[in-house]
Amino acid sequence: MVAIRKFSCYRKVKRAYTRKSRYKVKGYIKAVPTNKVVKYNFGDNKRTFPHKVFLVSKERIQVRHNAIESARTSVVRRLTKFLGKEYHLQIRSYPHHVLRENKMITGAGADRMQTGMQRAFGKATGLAAQLKVGTPIFCVYCSKEGIPNARKALLSATPKLPGRCAIEVDTK
């Protein structure tokens, strides 16, 4: 399996970029990698809960799809442990931005085999969600008794996500 590049390469949000080419066929990203986040709703989807607990982004960042998936597993594990099926978790950020990488060859004679920065559009390596300040990443719908446990569960996801996150409670 190919090693994942460290995320400091992708942390800053840049606008979506497509190649400008004379030929229409070369102007687009041909193959988009599969999204690791497959399911976006967990728990009891049918019931309506009175309270919402959000995990909100405090910075303008990009979050990779594998980071969202790993944070989701920890949140779901905690919620099912503490609340059983008395919650509804919804993933609110969708990874749509394609991350690309121009692989460089190292070693003797690499300069003769590689094009360098000529045609350096790169191959698609992953997906990321571009988040603005205050964008919710996860939302947990629960009863009043479940709010502290939902906060703990969402707090367990923050080390797995890049940037700073905050927890907001909406009690209506």
N, C-alpha and C. Protein backbone atom coordinates (compact mmCIF):
# COMPACT_ATOMS: atom_id res chain seq x y z
N MET A 1 0.83 -1.18 0.00
CA MET A 1 0.00 0.00 0.00
C MET A 1 0.89 1.25 0.00
N VAL A 2 0.42 2.26 -0.68
CA VAL A 2 1.18 3.50 -0.78
C VAL A 2 1.06 4.29 0.51
N ALA A 3 2.17 4.84 0.97
CA ALA A 3 2.16 5.63 2.20
C ALA A 3 1.44 6.95 1.96
N ILE A 4 0.71 7.41 2.95
CA ILE A 4 -0.02 8.67 2.85
C ILE A 4 0.94 9.80 3.16
N ARG A 5 0.91 10.82 2.35
CA ARG A 5 1.75 11.99 2.55
C ARG A 5 1.30 12.74 3.80
N LYS A 6 2.22 13.35 4.53
CA LYS A 6 1.82 14.04 5.75
C LYS A 6 0.90 15.22 5.42
N PHE A 7 -0.05 15.50 6.29
CA PHE A 7 -1.13 16.40 5.96
C PHE A 7 -0.74 17.87 5.97
N SER A 8 0.44 18.20 6.46
CA SER A 8 0.86 19.60 6.42
C SER A 8 1.00 20.08 4.97
N CYS A 9 1.08 19.15 4.03
CA CYS A 9 1.13 19.51 2.61
C CYS A 9 -0.23 20.02 2.13
N TYR A 10 -1.31 19.60 2.77
CA TYR A 10 -2.65 19.89 2.28
C TYR A 10 -3.49 20.73 3.24
N ARG A 11 -2.97 21.10 4.39
CA ARG A 11 -3.78 21.71 5.44
C ARG A 11 -4.43 23.03 5.00
N LYS A 12 -3.69 23.86 4.27
CA LYS A 12 -4.23 25.15 3.85
C LYS A 12 -5.27 24.95 2.75
N VAL A 13 -6.35 25.71 2.84
CA VAL A 13 -7.43 25.60 1.86
C VAL A 13 -7.06 26.41 0.63
N LYS A 14 -7.02 25.73 -0.50
CA LYS A 14 -6.80 26.39 -1.77
C LYS A 14 -8.02 26.14 -2.64
N ARG A 15 -8.26 27.04 -3.57
CA ARG A 15 -9.43 26.85 -4.41
C ARG A 15 -9.25 25.62 -5.28
N ALA A 16 -10.36 25.05 -5.70
CA ALA A 16 -10.30 23.87 -6.56
C ALA A 16 -9.64 24.26 -7.88
N TYR A 17 -8.76 23.42 -8.36
CA TYR A 17 -7.98 23.75 -9.55
C TYR A 17 -8.12 22.64 -10.58
N THR A 18 -8.41 23.01 -11.81
CA THR A 18 -8.37 22.05 -12.90
C THR A 18 -7.35 22.56 -13.91
N ARG A 19 -6.78 21.65 -14.61
CA ARG A 19 -5.73 21.98 -15.57
C ARG A 19 -6.33 22.75 -16.76
N LYS A 20 -5.66 23.79 -17.20
CA LYS A 20 -6.07 24.52 -18.39
C LYS A 20 -5.26 23.94 -19.55
N SER A 21 -5.94 23.34 -20.50
CA SER A 21 -5.25 22.69 -21.60
C SER A 21 -5.92 23.05 -22.92
N ARG A 22 -5.15 22.95 -23.99
CA ARG A 22 -5.71 23.14 -25.33
C ARG A 22 -6.71 22.04 -25.66
N TYR A 23 -6.46 20.87 -25.09
CA TYR A 23 -7.28 19.70 -25.39
C TYR A 23 -8.26 19.45 -24.24
N LYS A 24 -9.53 19.32 -24.57
CA LYS A 24 -10.57 19.18 -23.55
C LYS A 24 -10.37 17.93 -22.69
N VAL A 25 -9.89 16.87 -23.30
CA VAL A 25 -9.71 15.60 -22.59
C VAL A 25 -8.71 15.73 -21.46
N LYS A 26 -7.67 16.55 -21.64
CA LYS A 26 -6.63 16.69 -20.62
C LYS A 26 -6.95 17.74 -19.57
N GLY A 27 -8.12 18.35 -19.65
CA GLY A 27 -8.46 19.45 -18.76
C GLY A 27 -9.10 19.05 -17.45
N TYR A 28 -9.35 17.78 -17.20
CA TYR A 28 -10.08 17.36 -16.01
C TYR A 28 -9.36 16.24 -15.28
N ILE A 29 -9.70 16.09 -14.02
CA ILE A 29 -9.18 14.97 -13.23
C ILE A 29 -9.94 13.72 -13.69
N LYS A 30 -9.21 12.72 -14.14
CA LYS A 30 -9.84 11.57 -14.77
C LYS A 30 -10.48 10.61 -13.77
N ALA A 31 -9.77 10.25 -12.74
CA ALA A 31 -10.28 9.26 -11.79
C ALA A 31 -10.22 9.83 -10.39
N VAL A 32 -11.34 9.83 -9.71
CA VAL A 32 -11.41 10.32 -8.33
C VAL A 32 -11.32 9.11 -7.40
N PRO A 33 -10.46 9.15 -6.37
CA PRO A 33 -10.37 8.02 -5.44
C PRO A 33 -11.68 7.80 -4.70
N THR A 34 -11.91 6.57 -4.27
CA THR A 34 -13.14 6.26 -3.55
C THR A 34 -13.13 6.90 -2.18
N ASN A 35 -14.29 7.34 -1.74
CA ASN A 35 -14.45 7.99 -0.45
C ASN A 35 -14.48 6.94 0.64
N LYS A 36 -13.69 7.14 1.71
CA LYS A 36 -13.68 6.18 2.81
C LYS A 36 -14.90 6.32 3.71
N VAL A 37 -15.53 7.50 3.70
CA VAL A 37 -16.75 7.70 4.48
C VAL A 37 -17.91 7.20 3.61
N VAL A 38 -18.52 6.09 4.02
CA VAL A 38 -19.56 5.49 3.20
C VAL A 38 -20.94 5.85 3.73
N LYS A 39 -21.08 5.86 5.04
CA LYS A 39 -22.38 6.10 5.66
C LYS A 39 -22.32 7.40 6.45
N TYR A 40 -23.37 8.21 6.38
CA TYR A 40 -23.37 9.53 7.00
C TYR A 40 -24.36 9.68 8.15
N ASN A 41 -25.21 8.69 8.40
CA ASN A 41 -26.18 8.75 9.50
C ASN A 41 -26.07 7.48 10.33
N PHE A 42 -26.03 7.64 11.66
CA PHE A 42 -25.89 6.51 12.57
C PHE A 42 -26.87 6.66 13.72
N GLY A 43 -27.17 5.54 14.38
CA GLY A 43 -28.08 5.58 15.52
C GLY A 43 -29.52 5.47 15.05
N ASP A 44 -30.41 6.13 15.79
CA ASP A 44 -31.85 6.08 15.51
C ASP A 44 -32.21 7.24 14.57
N ASN A 45 -32.34 6.95 13.29
CA ASN A 45 -32.62 7.99 12.30
C ASN A 45 -34.10 8.40 12.28
N LYS A 46 -34.97 7.53 12.72
CA LYS A 46 -36.42 7.78 12.61
C LYS A 46 -36.93 8.75 13.68
N ARG A 47 -36.36 8.68 14.87
CA ARG A 47 -36.84 9.50 15.99
C ARG A 47 -36.35 10.93 15.89
N THR A 48 -37.12 11.86 16.44
CA THR A 48 -36.66 13.24 16.52
C THR A 48 -36.23 13.52 17.96
N PHE A 49 -35.06 14.10 18.11
CA PHE A 49 -34.50 14.40 19.42
C PHE A 49 -34.53 15.91 19.64
N PRO A 50 -34.75 16.36 20.88
CA PRO A 50 -34.90 17.80 21.13
C PRO A 50 -33.60 18.60 21.14
N HIS A 51 -32.46 17.95 21.37
CA HIS A 51 -31.20 18.69 21.55
C HIS A 51 -30.17 18.28 20.49
N LYS A 52 -29.33 19.26 20.13
CA LYS A 52 -28.27 19.03 19.15
C LYS A 52 -26.93 19.41 19.76
N VAL A 53 -25.92 18.58 19.51
CA VAL A 53 -24.55 18.87 19.93
C VAL A 53 -23.68 18.83 18.67
N PHE A 54 -22.99 19.93 18.39
CA PHE A 54 -22.19 20.06 17.17
C PHE A 54 -20.71 20.02 17.48
N LEU A 55 -19.92 19.44 16.59
CA LEU A 55 -18.47 19.60 16.58
C LEU A 55 -18.18 20.55 15.43
N VAL A 56 -17.65 21.74 15.76
CA VAL A 56 -17.53 22.84 14.82
C VAL A 56 -16.06 23.18 14.59
N SER A 57 -15.72 23.50 13.35
CA SER A 57 -14.36 23.90 13.00
C SER A 57 -14.10 25.34 13.44
N LYS A 58 -12.95 25.58 14.07
CA LYS A 58 -12.57 26.93 14.50
C LYS A 58 -11.55 27.58 13.56
N GLU A 59 -11.11 26.84 12.54
CA GLU A 59 -10.15 27.35 11.57
C GLU A 59 -10.64 27.01 10.17
N ARG A 60 -10.07 27.69 9.19
CA ARG A 60 -10.36 27.35 7.81
C ARG A 60 -9.36 26.28 7.39
N ILE A 61 -9.85 25.04 7.28
CA ILE A 61 -8.95 23.91 7.05
C ILE A 61 -9.55 22.94 6.04
N GLN A 62 -8.71 22.01 5.62
CA GLN A 62 -9.15 20.86 4.85
C GLN A 62 -9.03 19.63 5.75
N VAL A 63 -10.04 18.77 5.70
CA VAL A 63 -10.02 17.54 6.48
C VAL A 63 -10.09 16.38 5.51
N ARG A 64 -9.09 15.50 5.58
CA ARG A 64 -9.06 14.33 4.70
C ARG A 64 -10.18 13.36 5.01
N HIS A 65 -10.58 12.58 4.02
CA HIS A 65 -11.67 11.63 4.21
C HIS A 65 -11.31 10.52 5.18
N ASN A 66 -10.04 10.13 5.25
CA ASN A 66 -9.66 9.09 6.22
C ASN A 66 -9.65 9.64 7.64
N ALA A 67 -9.41 10.95 7.82
CA ALA A 67 -9.48 11.56 9.15
C ALA A 67 -10.93 11.63 9.63
N ILE A 68 -11.84 11.97 8.72
CA ILE A 68 -13.27 12.00 9.07
C ILE A 68 -13.74 10.61 9.46
N GLU A 69 -13.31 9.61 8.71
CA GLU A 69 -13.73 8.23 9.00
C GLU A 69 -13.17 7.75 10.34
N SER A 70 -11.92 8.06 10.64
CA SER A 70 -11.36 7.61 11.91
C SER A 70 -12.01 8.34 13.09
N ALA A 71 -12.33 9.63 12.92
CA ALA A 71 -13.03 10.37 13.97
C ALA A 71 -14.44 9.81 14.16
N ARG A 72 -15.08 9.44 13.07
CA ARG A 72 -16.44 8.88 13.13
C ARG A 72 -16.46 7.57 13.91
N THR A 73 -15.47 6.70 13.69
CA THR A 73 -15.45 5.42 14.39
C THR A 73 -15.33 5.62 15.90
N SER A 74 -14.50 6.58 16.32
CA SER A 74 -14.34 6.81 17.76
C SER A 74 -15.61 7.42 18.36
N VAL A 75 -16.28 8.31 17.62
CA VAL A 75 -17.51 8.92 18.12
C VAL A 75 -18.62 7.88 18.23
N VAL A 76 -18.79 7.06 17.20
CA VAL A 76 -19.85 6.04 17.21
C VAL A 76 -19.61 5.03 18.32
N ARG A 77 -18.35 4.65 18.52
CA ARG A 77 -18.03 3.69 19.58
C ARG A 77 -18.41 4.24 20.95
N ARG A 78 -18.06 5.51 21.19
CA ARG A 78 -18.39 6.14 22.48
C ARG A 78 -19.90 6.30 22.66
N LEU A 79 -20.58 6.74 21.59
CA LEU A 79 -22.02 6.98 21.71
C LEU A 79 -22.78 5.68 21.97
N THR A 80 -22.43 4.60 21.28
CA THR A 80 -23.12 3.33 21.52
C THR A 80 -22.79 2.78 22.90
N LYS A 81 -21.61 3.05 23.41
CA LYS A 81 -21.25 2.59 24.75
C LYS A 81 -22.05 3.33 25.82
N PHE A 82 -22.20 4.66 25.67
CA PHE A 82 -22.88 5.45 26.69
C PHE A 82 -24.38 5.56 26.49
N LEU A 83 -24.84 5.69 25.24
CA LEU A 83 -26.26 5.97 24.98
C LEU A 83 -27.02 4.82 24.34
N GLY A 84 -26.36 3.76 23.93
CA GLY A 84 -27.06 2.66 23.27
C GLY A 84 -27.51 3.10 21.88
N LYS A 85 -28.85 3.10 21.66
CA LYS A 85 -29.41 3.56 20.38
C LYS A 85 -30.18 4.87 20.55
N GLU A 86 -29.98 5.55 21.67
CA GLU A 86 -30.74 6.78 21.97
C GLU A 86 -30.03 8.03 21.45
N TYR A 87 -29.61 8.00 20.20
CA TYR A 87 -28.95 9.15 19.60
C TYR A 87 -29.09 9.06 18.09
N HIS A 88 -28.75 10.14 17.42
CA HIS A 88 -28.64 10.16 15.95
C HIS A 88 -27.41 10.98 15.61
N LEU A 89 -26.41 10.35 15.04
CA LEU A 89 -25.18 11.03 14.62
C LEU A 89 -25.27 11.29 13.13
N GLN A 90 -24.93 12.51 12.74
CA GLN A 90 -24.93 12.88 11.33
C GLN A 90 -23.59 13.52 11.00
N ILE A 91 -22.94 13.04 9.94
CA ILE A 91 -21.71 13.65 9.46
C ILE A 91 -22.12 14.78 8.53
N ARG A 92 -21.72 16.02 8.86
CA ARG A 92 -22.19 17.18 8.12
C ARG A 92 -21.20 17.68 7.06
N SER A 93 -19.96 17.22 7.09
CA SER A 93 -18.98 17.67 6.10
C SER A 93 -18.74 16.56 5.09
N TYR A 94 -18.79 16.92 3.82
CA TYR A 94 -18.63 15.94 2.75
C TYR A 94 -17.30 16.17 2.04
N PRO A 95 -16.43 15.15 1.96
CA PRO A 95 -15.15 15.32 1.27
C PRO A 95 -15.34 15.28 -0.25
N HIS A 96 -15.22 16.43 -0.88
CA HIS A 96 -15.44 16.52 -2.33
C HIS A 96 -14.20 17.01 -3.08
N HIS A 97 -13.26 17.64 -2.37
CA HIS A 97 -12.09 18.23 -3.01
C HIS A 97 -11.03 17.16 -3.26
N VAL A 98 -10.57 17.04 -4.50
CA VAL A 98 -9.61 16.01 -4.87
C VAL A 98 -8.20 16.51 -4.56
N LEU A 99 -7.45 15.72 -3.80
CA LEU A 99 -6.06 16.03 -3.48
C LEU A 99 -5.16 15.35 -4.50
N ARG A 100 -4.18 16.09 -5.01
CA ARG A 100 -3.29 15.57 -6.04
C ARG A 100 -1.84 15.63 -5.57
N GLU A 101 -1.03 14.77 -6.17
CA GLU A 101 0.38 14.75 -5.82
C GLU A 101 1.21 14.48 -7.07
N ASN A 102 2.24 15.29 -7.28
CA ASN A 102 3.18 15.07 -8.37
C ASN A 102 4.35 14.28 -7.81
N LYS A 103 4.36 12.98 -8.04
CA LYS A 103 5.40 12.12 -7.48
C LYS A 103 6.74 12.45 -8.11
N MET A 104 7.76 12.55 -7.27
CA MET A 104 9.10 12.84 -7.74
C MET A 104 9.98 11.61 -7.57
N ILE A 105 10.80 11.35 -8.57
CA ILE A 105 11.72 10.21 -8.51
C ILE A 105 13.02 10.70 -7.88
N THR A 106 13.58 9.88 -6.99
CA THR A 106 14.89 10.22 -6.39
C THR A 106 15.90 9.15 -6.80
N GLY A 107 17.13 9.50 -6.70
CA GLY A 107 18.18 8.54 -7.01
C GLY A 107 18.99 8.95 -8.22
N ALA A 108 19.93 8.11 -8.58
CA ALA A 108 20.84 8.42 -9.68
C ALA A 108 20.09 8.36 -11.01
N GLY A 109 20.25 9.38 -11.82
CA GLY A 109 19.64 9.41 -13.14
C GLY A 109 18.18 9.79 -13.16
N ALA A 110 17.66 10.26 -12.03
CA ALA A 110 16.23 10.59 -11.95
C ALA A 110 15.91 11.79 -12.83
N ASP A 111 16.86 12.69 -13.00
CA ASP A 111 16.59 13.89 -13.80
C ASP A 111 16.37 13.55 -15.27
N ARG A 112 16.91 12.42 -15.75
CA ARG A 112 16.72 12.04 -17.15
C ARG A 112 15.40 11.31 -17.37
N MET A 113 14.82 10.76 -16.31
CA MET A 113 13.58 9.98 -16.46
C MET A 113 12.33 10.78 -16.17
N GLN A 114 12.44 11.83 -15.39
CA GLN A 114 11.25 12.57 -14.95
C GLN A 114 11.14 13.91 -15.67
N THR A 115 9.88 14.37 -15.80
CA THR A 115 9.66 15.64 -16.50
C THR A 115 9.83 16.84 -15.59
N GLY A 116 9.98 16.65 -14.29
CA GLY A 116 10.13 17.76 -13.35
C GLY A 116 8.81 18.47 -13.15
N MET A 117 8.80 19.80 -13.31
CA MET A 117 7.56 20.57 -13.11
C MET A 117 6.79 20.76 -14.43
N GLN A 118 7.30 20.22 -15.50
CA GLN A 118 6.55 20.26 -16.75
C GLN A 118 5.44 19.22 -16.67
N ARG A 119 4.21 19.59 -16.99
CA ARG A 119 3.02 18.73 -16.87
C ARG A 119 2.89 18.19 -15.44
N ALA A 120 2.96 19.09 -14.45
CA ALA A 120 2.99 18.70 -13.04
C ALA A 120 1.62 18.78 -12.38
N PHE A 121 0.57 18.43 -13.08
CA PHE A 121 -0.78 18.49 -12.51
C PHE A 121 -0.94 17.49 -11.37
N GLY A 122 -0.33 16.34 -11.45
CA GLY A 122 -0.36 15.36 -10.38
C GLY A 122 -1.49 14.36 -10.52
N LYS A 123 -1.34 13.24 -9.84
CA LYS A 123 -2.37 12.21 -9.81
C LYS A 123 -3.21 12.37 -8.56
N ALA A 124 -4.46 12.01 -8.66
CA ALA A 124 -5.37 12.10 -7.51
C ALA A 124 -4.97 11.07 -6.47
N THR A 125 -4.77 11.53 -5.23
CA THR A 125 -4.36 10.62 -4.15
C THR A 125 -5.41 10.48 -3.06
N GLY A 126 -6.30 11.43 -2.93
CA GLY A 126 -7.30 11.36 -1.86
C GLY A 126 -8.35 12.44 -2.00
N LEU A 127 -9.25 12.48 -1.04
CA LEU A 127 -10.32 13.47 -1.00
C LEU A 127 -10.26 14.24 0.30
N ALA A 128 -10.75 15.48 0.28
CA ALA A 128 -10.78 16.29 1.49
C ALA A 128 -12.03 17.16 1.49
N ALA A 129 -12.49 17.48 2.70
CA ALA A 129 -13.60 18.42 2.87
C ALA A 129 -13.00 19.77 3.21
N GLN A 130 -13.40 20.80 2.50
CA GLN A 130 -12.91 22.15 2.77
C GLN A 130 -13.89 22.81 3.72
N LEU A 131 -13.40 23.20 4.91
CA LEU A 131 -14.26 23.74 5.96
C LEU A 131 -13.93 25.19 6.24
N LYS A 132 -14.96 26.00 6.39
CA LYS A 132 -14.80 27.39 6.81
C LYS A 132 -14.92 27.45 8.33
N VAL A 133 -14.67 28.61 8.90
CA VAL A 133 -14.80 28.79 10.34
C VAL A 133 -16.27 28.66 10.72
N GLY A 134 -16.56 27.83 11.71
CA GLY A 134 -17.93 27.66 12.18
C GLY A 134 -18.72 26.59 11.45
N THR A 135 -18.09 25.87 10.54
CA THR A 135 -18.79 24.80 9.82
C THR A 135 -18.88 23.56 10.70
N PRO A 136 -20.07 22.98 10.85
CA PRO A 136 -20.18 21.77 11.66
C PRO A 136 -19.61 20.56 10.93
N ILE A 137 -18.86 19.75 11.65
CA ILE A 137 -18.29 18.53 11.09
C ILE A 137 -19.21 17.35 11.44
N PHE A 138 -19.56 17.24 12.73
CA PHE A 138 -20.48 16.21 13.20
C PHE A 138 -21.63 16.88 13.94
N CYS A 139 -22.78 16.23 13.94
CA CYS A 139 -23.93 16.69 14.72
C CYS A 139 -24.56 15.48 15.40
N VAL A 140 -24.73 15.57 16.71
CA VAL A 140 -25.37 14.50 17.47
C VAL A 140 -26.71 15.02 17.98
N TYR A 141 -27.78 14.34 17.62
CA TYR A 141 -29.12 14.64 18.13
C TYR A 141 -29.38 13.69 19.29
N CYS A 142 -29.76 14.24 20.45
CA CYS A 142 -29.95 13.38 21.62
C CYS A 142 -30.94 14.03 22.60
N SER A 143 -31.24 13.32 23.67
CA SER A 143 -32.09 13.86 24.73
C SER A 143 -31.24 14.69 25.69
N LYS A 144 -31.88 15.33 26.65
CA LYS A 144 -31.17 16.21 27.59
C LYS A 144 -30.18 15.42 28.44
N GLU A 145 -30.53 14.19 28.80
CA GLU A 145 -29.64 13.37 29.63
C GLU A 145 -28.40 12.92 28.86
N GLY A 146 -28.48 12.89 27.54
CA GLY A 146 -27.37 12.41 26.72
C GLY A 146 -26.37 13.47 26.30
N ILE A 147 -26.64 14.74 26.65
CA ILE A 147 -25.75 15.83 26.21
C ILE A 147 -24.32 15.69 26.75
N PRO A 148 -24.10 15.40 28.05
CA PRO A 148 -22.71 15.25 28.52
C PRO A 148 -21.95 14.11 27.83
N ASN A 149 -22.67 13.00 27.58
CA ASN A 149 -22.02 11.87 26.90
C ASN A 149 -21.73 12.19 25.43
N ALA A 150 -22.61 12.94 24.80
CA ALA A 150 -22.38 13.36 23.40
C ALA A 150 -21.18 14.30 23.32
N ARG A 151 -21.05 15.18 24.31
CA ARG A 151 -19.89 16.08 24.35
C ARG A 151 -18.59 15.29 24.50
N LYS A 152 -18.60 14.29 25.39
CA LYS A 152 -17.41 13.45 25.58
C LYS A 152 -17.05 12.70 24.30
N ALA A 153 -18.08 12.19 23.63
CA ALA A 153 -17.85 11.43 22.40
C ALA A 153 -17.26 12.32 21.31
N LEU A 154 -17.80 13.53 21.17
CA LEU A 154 -17.28 14.45 20.15
C LEU A 154 -15.89 14.96 20.52
N LEU A 155 -15.63 15.08 21.81
CA LEU A 155 -14.30 15.51 22.26
C LEU A 155 -13.24 14.46 21.92
N SER A 156 -13.64 13.18 21.88
CA SER A 156 -12.70 12.12 21.53
C SER A 156 -12.30 12.16 20.05
N ALA A 157 -13.08 12.88 19.23
CA ALA A 157 -12.77 12.97 17.80
C ALA A 157 -11.80 14.08 17.48
N THR A 158 -11.63 15.07 18.37
CA THR A 158 -10.81 16.24 18.05
C THR A 158 -9.33 15.93 17.82
N PRO A 159 -8.69 14.98 18.52
CA PRO A 159 -7.28 14.70 18.20
C PRO A 159 -7.08 14.07 16.82
N LYS A 160 -8.12 13.48 16.27
CA LYS A 160 -8.00 12.81 14.97
C LYS A 160 -8.21 13.77 13.80
N LEU A 161 -8.66 14.98 14.10
CA LEU A 161 -8.93 15.97 13.06
C LEU A 161 -7.87 17.05 13.08
N PRO A 162 -7.49 17.59 11.92
CA PRO A 162 -6.52 18.69 11.91
C PRO A 162 -7.17 19.98 12.35
N GLY A 163 -6.39 20.88 12.88
CA GLY A 163 -6.93 22.19 13.28
C GLY A 163 -7.63 22.13 14.62
N ARG A 164 -8.20 23.28 15.00
CA ARG A 164 -8.90 23.38 16.28
C ARG A 164 -10.39 23.21 16.05
N CYS A 165 -11.04 22.54 16.99
CA CYS A 165 -12.48 22.30 16.93
C CYS A 165 -13.11 22.71 18.26
N ALA A 166 -14.38 23.04 18.22
CA ALA A 166 -15.12 23.38 19.42
C ALA A 166 -16.43 22.63 19.43
N ILE A 167 -17.00 22.47 20.63
CA ILE A 167 -18.29 21.80 20.77
C ILE A 167 -19.34 22.82 21.14
N GLU A 168 -20.42 22.83 20.38
CA GLU A 168 -21.53 23.76 20.62
C GLU A 168 -22.79 22.95 20.87
N VAL A 169 -23.58 23.40 21.86
CA VAL A 169 -24.82 22.72 22.22
C VAL A 169 -25.99 23.64 21.85
N ASP A 170 -26.95 23.09 21.11
CA ASP A 170 -28.15 23.83 20.73
C ASP A 170 -29.33 23.18 21.45
N THR A 171 -29.89 23.89 22.42
CA THR A 171 -31.01 23.35 23.19
C THR A 171 -32.26 24.13 22.85
N LYS A 172 -33.07 23.59 21.97
CA LYS A 172 -34.33 24.25 21.59
C LYS A 172 -35.50 23.40 21.99
